[in-house]
Amino acid sequence: MRVNTGKGDISLITLIAIWSVSAVTSLPGLAVSPILGDMNNIFPKASDLEIQMLTSLPSLLIIPFVLLAGRLSRGKDKLPMLYAGLAIFTICGIACLIAKSMSALIIISSILGIGAGMVIPLSTGLVVEYFTGDTRVRQLGYSSAINNLTLVGATALTGYVADINWHLSFLVYLLPGISLLLCLALRKERPAPEPQQSDQYKQSGINRRHLVVLTIFYFIITYATLVITFDTAFLFEKYHIKQELAGVSISLFFLAIMLPGLFLNRVIAFTRSYTNALCSLLLAIGLAMLATTKTPTLLIIGIILTGLGYGVMQPIIYDKAAIIAPPHLATQALSIVMAANYIAIILCPFIIDFVRKIADNHSHTFGFSLNAVIAAIVTVIATVGRGDFALGLDKSYYSSKNGAES
């Protein structure tokens, strides 16, 4: 079976290999999440700082290595770096399975962050290299869907096996080993050259203005939605809603992010230049519902609306990041934009806490209210700038291919 790429075709095994890389990029930190509450019991001598380092250090190290991987990818064969990143990821997963101290877990998790940082920009970079035009948009949507579906499945698995033995949570870190084996097929089938009529060849270098706007835009919408993953459990606890429902709600959030990726071209064709504005509005409505209602059903609807809005915008931003650079610089542009995701993960709780202190508002819904206002402001900006390449969808954005003209 052969799969159309927009500039030829590739085998199904090559496509599965590309998808497998997308699947593992959501794993860093995942294995630790179901056992965080038990860390003080597992390691009685561990300090709160050490437990915090276990979750924060990998993300901190991902950021510079995402940027470094993008820089090293300029016009070079990316497969050796991909193989190295996946190998580091897998070896660290094996080491976590046998680690017996908190310090060992911190060191191993930090090295894992290095491996993940090398893989993350290449996961999207592979899609950009192998596909073009509307098929690239579709595959970026599938890539996002696979990433979030893996996140949901792996979260459920780690939570289940953690009850058996906390070491088993780290089994999910062995998935990059499977991806590594699959990616050996990429050696046999390299991507076809980008067509000369491609928008990428209109760029002599990375368009810095578009890159800055895309990066800031991605940071803001990621920051705005992260309050759901950070604060939903506390919100449900405050309303005396079962914590099991909080876990289900987070899973539904990631499923909602996944869903639009399966129909991305149709969404773009329907919403056209208003795509970002409408999706930002979904974020604002969803977060406002979380800030103003106590009904579990309405809370879940708010979570789903937020996920749907973000799930449309994320792959479109990735595609635009590729378009604003010539083919040999596309992965570097992607790495800069993708780094915004991890910066947002680190800064989100600090930003909310900082503004909370300034406002002297200690309400448990403050983070949702603040981010709903931010999303509403973004909606206005995206509406006014709907004809702009970065903020909306201008007429050049695949207008002749998928109907996404303004």
Protein backbone atom coordinates (compact mmCIF):
# COMPACT_ATOMS: atom_id res chain seq x y z
CA MET A 1 0.00 0.00 0.00
CA ARG A 2 1.29 3.44 -0.97
CA VAL A 3 0.32 6.75 0.66
CA ASN A 4 0.08 10.06 -1.23
CA THR A 5 2.42 12.76 0.08
CA GLY A 6 1.52 15.61 -2.27
CA LYS A 7 4.85 15.15 -4.06
CA GLY A 8 4.78 11.40 -4.69
CA ASP A 9 4.00 8.51 -2.40
CA ILE A 10 5.54 6.49 0.41
CA SER A 11 5.00 3.03 1.84
CA LEU A 12 2.64 2.40 4.73
CA ILE A 13 5.52 1.30 6.99
CA THR A 14 7.24 4.66 6.42
CA LEU A 15 4.05 6.48 7.38
CA ILE A 16 3.67 4.34 10.52
CA ALA A 17 7.28 5.12 11.45
CA ILE A 18 6.58 8.87 11.13
CA TRP A 19 3.41 8.50 13.19
CA SER A 20 5.30 6.53 15.86
CA VAL A 21 7.64 9.48 16.47
CA SER A 22 4.61 11.74 16.96
CA ALA A 23 3.26 9.24 19.49
CA VAL A 24 6.28 9.34 21.83
CA THR A 25 6.74 13.11 22.10
CA SER A 26 4.00 13.43 24.72
CA LEU A 27 5.59 10.89 27.08
CA PRO A 28 8.18 12.93 29.08
CA GLY A 29 6.98 13.32 32.65
CA LEU A 30 3.97 11.09 32.05
CA ALA A 31 5.29 8.10 34.00
CA VAL A 32 5.76 10.21 37.11
CA SER A 33 2.29 11.79 37.15
CA PRO A 34 0.32 8.90 38.71
CA ILE A 35 2.87 8.36 41.50
CA LEU A 36 3.57 11.99 42.48
CA GLY A 37 1.19 11.78 45.40
CA ASP A 38 2.99 8.70 46.70
CA MET A 39 6.55 9.98 46.28
CA ASN A 40 6.87 10.94 49.94
CA ASN A 41 5.93 7.39 50.90
CA ILE A 42 8.13 5.74 48.26
CA PHE A 43 11.11 7.91 49.22
CA PRO A 44 10.50 9.08 52.83
CA LYS A 45 13.74 11.09 52.89
CA ALA A 46 12.99 12.96 49.66
CA SER A 47 12.36 16.69 50.01
CA ASP A 48 9.58 18.61 48.28
CA LEU A 49 12.25 20.27 46.16
CA GLU A 50 13.50 16.90 44.91
CA ILE A 51 9.97 15.84 43.98
CA GLN A 52 9.48 19.13 42.13
CA MET A 53 12.80 18.64 40.31
CA LEU A 54 11.62 15.23 39.14
CA THR A 55 8.84 16.90 37.15
CA SER A 56 10.43 20.24 36.24
CA LEU A 57 14.02 19.39 35.26
CA PRO A 58 13.07 17.24 32.21
CA SER A 59 10.94 20.09 30.82
CA LEU A 60 13.70 22.61 31.48
CA LEU A 61 16.21 20.48 29.58
CA ILE A 62 13.79 19.80 26.75
CA ILE A 63 13.71 23.51 25.83
CA PRO A 64 17.43 24.06 25.00
CA PHE A 65 17.72 20.69 23.27
CA VAL A 66 14.62 21.34 21.16
CA LEU A 67 16.31 24.55 19.98
CA LEU A 68 19.68 22.82 19.56
CA ALA A 69 18.12 20.01 17.53
CA GLY A 70 16.49 22.60 15.27
CA ARG A 71 19.80 24.40 14.80
CA LEU A 72 21.70 21.20 14.03
CA SER A 73 19.05 20.08 11.55
CA ARG A 74 19.81 22.86 9.08
CA GLY A 75 20.27 21.19 5.72
CA LYS A 76 21.58 17.96 7.28
CA ASP A 77 20.49 14.35 7.51
CA LYS A 78 18.19 14.30 10.51
CA LEU A 79 18.01 10.55 10.98
CA PRO A 80 21.21 10.13 13.07
CA MET A 81 19.93 12.75 15.53
CA LEU A 82 16.50 11.10 15.56
CA TYR A 83 18.02 7.68 16.27
CA ALA A 84 20.23 9.12 19.01
CA GLY A 85 17.30 10.88 20.69
CA LEU A 86 15.09 7.78 20.59
CA ALA A 87 17.94 5.62 21.89
CA ILE A 88 18.59 7.99 24.83
CA PHE A 89 14.87 8.06 25.56
CA THR A 90 14.65 4.24 25.58
CA ILE A 91 17.81 3.68 27.65
CA CYS A 92 16.55 6.14 30.25
CA GLY A 93 13.24 4.29 30.36
CA ILE A 94 15.05 1.04 31.12
CA ALA A 95 17.17 2.78 33.76
CA CYS A 96 14.04 4.20 35.45
CA LEU A 97 12.64 0.68 35.76
CA ILE A 98 15.54 -0.33 37.99
CA ALA A 99 16.29 2.98 39.74
CA LYS A 100 16.22 2.73 43.53
CA SER A 101 16.74 6.31 44.72
CA MET A 102 15.24 9.73 44.15
CA SER A 103 18.59 11.18 43.05
CA ALA A 104 18.94 8.44 40.44
CA LEU A 105 15.43 9.14 39.11
CA ILE A 106 16.18 12.88 38.90
CA ILE A 107 19.39 12.30 36.93
CA ILE A 108 17.82 9.73 34.62
CA SER A 109 14.72 11.87 34.02
CA SER A 110 16.91 14.85 33.20
CA ILE A 111 18.87 12.86 30.60
CA LEU A 112 15.54 11.61 29.26
CA GLY A 113 14.59 15.26 28.75
CA ILE A 114 17.69 15.67 26.58
CA GLY A 115 16.68 12.72 24.40
CA ALA A 116 13.10 13.94 24.16
CA GLY A 117 14.30 17.42 23.24
CA MET A 118 16.23 15.96 20.31
CA VAL A 119 13.17 14.04 19.07
CA ILE A 120 10.36 16.58 19.53
CA PRO A 121 11.14 19.01 16.64
CA LEU A 122 12.01 16.10 14.36
CA SER A 123 8.60 14.51 14.95
CA THR A 124 6.94 17.39 13.13
CA GLY A 125 9.96 17.96 10.90
CA LEU A 126 9.51 14.50 9.40
CA VAL A 127 5.92 15.31 8.45
CA VAL A 128 7.10 18.55 6.85
CA GLU A 129 9.87 16.77 4.90
CA TYR A 130 7.74 13.90 3.60
CA PHE A 131 4.50 15.79 2.86
CA THR A 132 3.49 19.04 1.24
CA GLY A 133 0.40 21.17 0.61
CA ASP A 134 -2.98 20.02 1.88
CA THR A 135 -1.66 16.50 2.52
CA ARG A 136 0.85 18.03 4.96
CA VAL A 137 -1.95 19.87 6.77
CA ARG A 138 -3.89 16.63 7.00
CA GLN A 139 -0.88 14.67 8.28
CA LEU A 140 -0.06 17.34 10.85
CA GLY A 141 -3.63 16.97 12.06
CA TYR A 142 -3.19 13.20 12.27
CA SER A 143 0.14 13.69 14.05
CA SER A 144 -1.51 15.89 16.67
CA ALA A 145 -4.34 13.38 17.06
CA ILE A 146 -1.92 10.48 17.53
CA ASN A 147 0.10 12.47 20.05
CA ASN A 148 -2.94 13.21 22.20
CA LEU A 149 -4.46 9.74 21.82
CA THR A 150 -1.18 8.25 23.02
CA LEU A 151 -1.26 10.66 25.95
CA VAL A 152 -4.73 9.46 26.96
CA GLY A 153 -3.88 5.77 26.56
CA ALA A 154 -0.51 6.00 28.26
CA THR A 155 -1.98 7.98 31.17
CA ALA A 156 -4.57 5.27 31.74
CA LEU A 157 -1.87 2.57 31.54
CA THR A 158 0.52 4.26 33.96
CA GLY A 159 -2.27 4.87 36.45
CA TYR A 160 -3.24 1.20 36.32
CA VAL A 161 0.22 -0.36 36.59
CA ALA A 162 1.32 2.13 39.27
CA ASP A 163 -1.09 0.37 41.66
CA ILE A 164 0.84 -2.85 41.07
CA ASN A 165 4.37 -1.47 41.37
CA TRP A 166 5.52 2.15 41.00
CA HIS A 167 8.45 1.07 38.80
CA LEU A 168 6.00 -0.21 36.19
CA SER A 169 4.84 3.34 35.45
CA PHE A 170 8.08 3.78 33.53
CA LEU A 171 7.12 1.05 31.03
CA VAL A 172 5.69 3.82 28.81
CA TYR A 173 9.26 5.09 28.34
CA LEU A 174 10.02 1.93 26.36
CA LEU A 175 7.70 3.00 23.53
CA PRO A 176 10.49 5.08 21.91
CA GLY A 177 12.36 1.77 21.47
CA ILE A 178 9.54 0.54 19.23
CA SER A 179 9.63 3.84 17.37
CA LEU A 180 13.40 3.48 16.93
CA LEU A 181 12.96 0.08 15.27
CA LEU A 182 10.21 1.40 13.00
CA CYS A 183 12.26 4.45 12.02
CA LEU A 184 14.98 2.24 10.55
CA ALA A 185 12.61 2.02 7.58
CA LEU A 186 13.16 5.72 6.92
CA ARG A 187 16.67 4.89 5.71
CA LYS A 188 15.18 2.97 2.80
CA GLU A 189 12.67 5.61 1.74
CA ARG A 190 13.83 9.20 1.91
CA PRO A 191 11.52 12.18 1.30
CA ALA A 192 11.08 13.51 -2.22
CA PRO A 193 12.31 17.08 -2.85
CA GLU A 194 9.87 19.88 -2.12
CA PRO A 195 8.16 21.04 -5.35
CA GLN A 196 9.67 24.22 -6.77
CA GLN A 197 6.26 25.92 -6.69
CA SER A 198 6.01 25.35 -2.94
CA ASP A 199 5.46 28.36 -0.68
CA GLN A 200 8.64 27.38 1.15
CA TYR A 201 10.76 28.35 -1.86
CA LYS A 202 9.33 31.86 -1.69
CA GLN A 203 11.41 32.33 1.46
CA SER A 204 15.13 33.11 1.27
CA GLY A 205 15.38 32.54 5.02
CA ILE A 206 13.12 32.24 8.04
CA ASN A 207 10.50 35.01 8.00
CA ARG A 208 11.26 36.50 11.39
CA ARG A 209 8.08 38.55 11.73
CA HIS A 210 5.85 35.55 11.12
CA LEU A 211 8.04 33.41 13.38
CA VAL A 212 7.76 35.86 16.28
CA VAL A 213 3.98 36.23 15.92
CA LEU A 214 3.42 32.47 15.59
CA THR A 215 5.62 31.74 18.61
CA ILE A 216 3.89 34.32 20.81
CA PHE A 217 0.46 33.21 19.62
CA TYR A 218 1.29 29.56 20.32
CA PHE A 219 2.67 30.41 23.75
CA ILE A 220 -0.47 32.33 24.72
CA ILE A 221 -3.01 29.71 23.63
CA THR A 222 -0.95 26.91 25.19
CA TYR A 223 -0.59 28.83 28.43
CA ALA A 224 -4.33 29.57 28.45
CA THR A 225 -5.33 25.92 28.08
CA LEU A 226 -2.76 24.51 30.51
CA VAL A 227 -4.80 25.78 33.46
CA ILE A 228 -7.10 22.83 32.78
CA THR A 229 -4.37 20.25 33.35
CA PHE A 230 -2.99 22.12 36.37
CA ASP A 231 -6.16 23.21 38.19
CA THR A 232 -9.08 20.96 37.20
CA ALA A 233 -8.43 18.42 39.96
CA PHE A 234 -8.37 21.22 42.58
CA LEU A 235 -11.55 22.74 41.13
CA PHE A 236 -13.42 19.42 41.30
CA GLU A 237 -12.16 18.85 44.83
CA LYS A 238 -13.41 22.28 45.89
CA TYR A 239 -16.86 21.49 44.50
CA HIS A 240 -16.79 18.05 46.17
CA ILE A 241 -16.93 16.29 42.82
CA LYS A 242 -15.39 12.82 42.69
CA GLN A 243 -11.71 12.93 41.74
CA GLU A 244 -12.29 10.02 39.34
CA LEU A 245 -14.41 12.42 37.30
CA ALA A 246 -11.53 14.90 37.26
CA GLY A 247 -9.32 12.20 35.71
CA VAL A 248 -12.01 11.41 33.15
CA SER A 249 -12.35 15.12 32.35
CA ILE A 250 -8.63 15.49 31.66
CA SER A 251 -8.80 12.45 29.36
CA LEU A 252 -11.75 14.04 27.55
CA PHE A 253 -9.70 17.24 27.24
CA PHE A 254 -6.92 15.44 25.38
CA LEU A 255 -9.45 13.52 23.29
CA ALA A 256 -11.04 16.86 22.36
CA ILE A 257 -7.63 18.17 21.30
CA MET A 258 -7.17 15.00 19.23
CA LEU A 259 -10.51 15.04 17.41
CA PRO A 260 -10.12 18.10 15.12
CA GLY A 261 -6.84 16.71 13.78
CA LEU A 262 -8.79 13.98 11.99
CA PHE A 263 -10.85 16.56 10.05
CA LEU A 264 -8.50 19.52 9.93
CA ASN A 265 -8.78 20.31 6.20
CA ARG A 266 -12.58 20.35 6.43
CA VAL A 267 -12.48 22.66 9.43
CA ILE A 268 -10.16 25.06 7.59
CA ALA A 269 -12.34 24.98 4.47
CA PHE A 270 -15.41 25.86 6.53
CA THR A 271 -14.01 28.52 8.89
CA ARG A 272 -11.47 30.04 6.47
CA SER A 273 -9.88 33.28 7.71
CA TYR A 274 -11.92 33.12 10.93
CA THR A 275 -10.36 29.81 12.02
CA ASN A 276 -8.13 31.20 14.79
CA ALA A 277 -10.74 33.71 15.92
CA LEU A 278 -13.44 31.06 16.28
CA CYS A 279 -11.10 28.63 18.00
CA SER A 280 -9.89 31.31 20.42
CA LEU A 281 -13.57 32.03 21.14
CA LEU A 282 -14.06 28.36 22.02
CA LEU A 283 -11.15 28.70 24.46
CA ALA A 284 -12.72 31.80 26.02
CA ILE A 285 -16.17 30.21 26.33
CA GLY A 286 -14.81 26.94 27.69
CA LEU A 287 -12.60 28.61 30.31
CA ALA A 288 -15.42 31.02 31.28
CA MET A 289 -17.68 28.03 31.90
CA LEU A 290 -15.06 26.53 34.20
CA ALA A 291 -14.82 29.83 36.05
CA THR A 292 -18.57 30.36 36.53
CA THR A 293 -20.34 27.01 36.88
CA LYS A 294 -20.33 24.25 39.48
CA THR A 295 -22.33 21.69 37.52
CA PRO A 296 -20.15 18.68 36.52
CA THR A 297 -21.80 18.38 33.09
CA LEU A 298 -21.19 22.05 32.25
CA LEU A 299 -17.63 21.85 33.60
CA ILE A 300 -16.92 18.93 31.29
CA ILE A 301 -18.49 20.75 28.32
CA GLY A 302 -16.21 23.72 29.06
CA ILE A 303 -13.18 21.44 29.12
CA ILE A 304 -14.17 19.84 25.81
CA LEU A 305 -14.78 23.22 24.10
CA THR A 306 -11.34 24.41 25.20
CA GLY A 307 -9.73 21.22 23.88
CA LEU A 308 -11.50 21.46 20.52
CA GLY A 309 -10.34 25.05 19.98
CA TYR A 310 -6.74 24.27 20.85
CA GLY A 311 -6.80 21.06 18.79
CA VAL A 312 -7.50 23.01 15.60
CA MET A 313 -4.94 25.75 16.13
CA GLN A 314 -1.92 23.67 17.16
CA PRO A 315 -1.32 21.75 13.89
CA ILE A 316 -2.09 24.85 11.81
CA ILE A 317 0.60 26.77 13.70
CA TYR A 318 3.07 23.94 13.02
CA ASP A 319 2.24 24.00 9.32
CA LYS A 320 2.67 27.76 9.13
CA ALA A 321 6.01 27.48 10.93
CA ALA A 322 7.18 25.19 8.14
CA ILE A 323 5.90 27.46 5.38
CA ILE A 324 7.76 30.55 6.60
CA ALA A 325 11.15 28.95 5.96
CA PRO A 326 12.87 27.28 3.00
CA PRO A 327 12.95 23.45 3.23
CA HIS A 328 16.41 23.23 4.81
CA LEU A 329 15.40 25.64 7.62
CA ALA A 330 11.85 24.35 8.25
CA THR A 331 12.77 22.14 11.21
CA GLN A 332 14.67 24.98 12.86
CA ALA A 333 11.63 27.27 12.55
CA LEU A 334 9.47 24.50 13.97
CA SER A 335 11.83 23.98 16.90
CA ILE A 336 11.54 27.64 17.93
CA VAL A 337 7.75 27.56 17.80
CA MET A 338 7.55 24.18 19.58
CA ALA A 339 9.82 25.40 22.38
CA ALA A 340 7.03 27.85 23.30
CA ASN A 341 4.93 24.87 24.38
CA TYR A 342 7.44 23.81 27.05
CA ILE A 343 8.12 27.37 28.17
CA ALA A 344 4.37 27.73 28.71
CA ILE A 345 4.30 24.49 30.73
CA ILE A 346 6.98 25.81 33.07
CA LEU A 347 5.66 29.38 33.38
CA CYS A 348 1.90 28.76 33.57
CA PRO A 349 1.60 28.25 37.35
CA PHE A 350 4.02 31.12 38.05
CA ILE A 351 2.11 33.56 35.81
CA ILE A 352 -1.23 32.72 37.40
CA ASP A 353 0.23 32.95 40.91
CA PHE A 354 1.93 36.28 40.11
CA VAL A 355 -1.25 37.89 38.76
CA ARG A 356 -3.28 36.36 41.61
CA LYS A 357 -1.06 38.15 44.16
CA ILE A 358 -1.27 41.46 42.30
CA ALA A 359 -5.06 41.17 42.10
CA ASP A 360 -5.21 39.88 45.69
CA ASN A 361 -7.69 37.27 44.51
CA HIS A 362 -7.38 33.82 46.04
CA SER A 363 -10.46 32.29 44.46
CA HIS A 364 -10.06 28.70 43.24
CA THR A 365 -11.48 29.82 39.89
CA PHE A 366 -9.07 32.73 39.41
CA GLY A 367 -6.81 30.92 36.92
CA PHE A 368 -9.77 30.01 34.72
CA SER A 369 -11.19 33.55 34.87
CA LEU A 370 -7.81 35.12 34.05
CA ASN A 371 -7.19 32.85 31.09
CA ALA A 372 -10.75 33.24 29.81
CA VAL A 373 -10.14 37.01 29.64
CA ILE A 374 -6.81 36.43 27.86
CA ALA A 375 -8.50 34.07 25.36
CA ALA A 376 -11.21 36.68 24.76
CA ILE A 377 -8.55 39.33 24.01
CA VAL A 378 -6.86 36.89 21.61
CA THR A 379 -10.24 36.34 19.94
CA VAL A 380 -10.57 40.08 19.25
CA ILE A 381 -6.99 40.32 17.95
CA ALA A 382 -7.43 37.22 15.73
CA THR A 383 -10.68 38.63 14.35
CA VAL A 384 -9.14 41.99 13.50
CA GLY A 385 -6.06 40.27 12.07
CA ARG A 386 -7.92 37.46 10.29
CA GLY A 387 -6.33 38.39 6.97
CA ASP A 388 -2.83 38.17 8.44
CA PHE A 389 -0.85 35.00 7.71
CA ALA A 390 0.08 34.35 11.34
CA LEU A 391 -3.09 35.46 13.13
CA GLY A 392 -5.67 34.22 10.64
CA LEU A 393 -5.58 32.48 7.30
CA ASP A 394 -4.63 34.82 4.50
CA LYS A 395 -5.43 34.09 0.86
CA SER A 396 -2.06 32.44 0.27
CA TYR A 397 -2.73 29.70 2.82
CA TYR A 398 -3.53 26.78 0.53
CA SER A 399 -6.48 28.73 -0.89
CA SER A 400 -6.44 26.82 -4.16
CA LYS A 401 -5.98 23.46 -2.48
CA ASN A 402 -8.43 23.25 0.40
CA GLY A 403 -10.68 26.25 0.18
CA ALA A 404 -9.12 28.08 3.05
CA GLU A 405 -9.11 31.48 1.40
CA SER A 406 -10.25 34.53 3.26
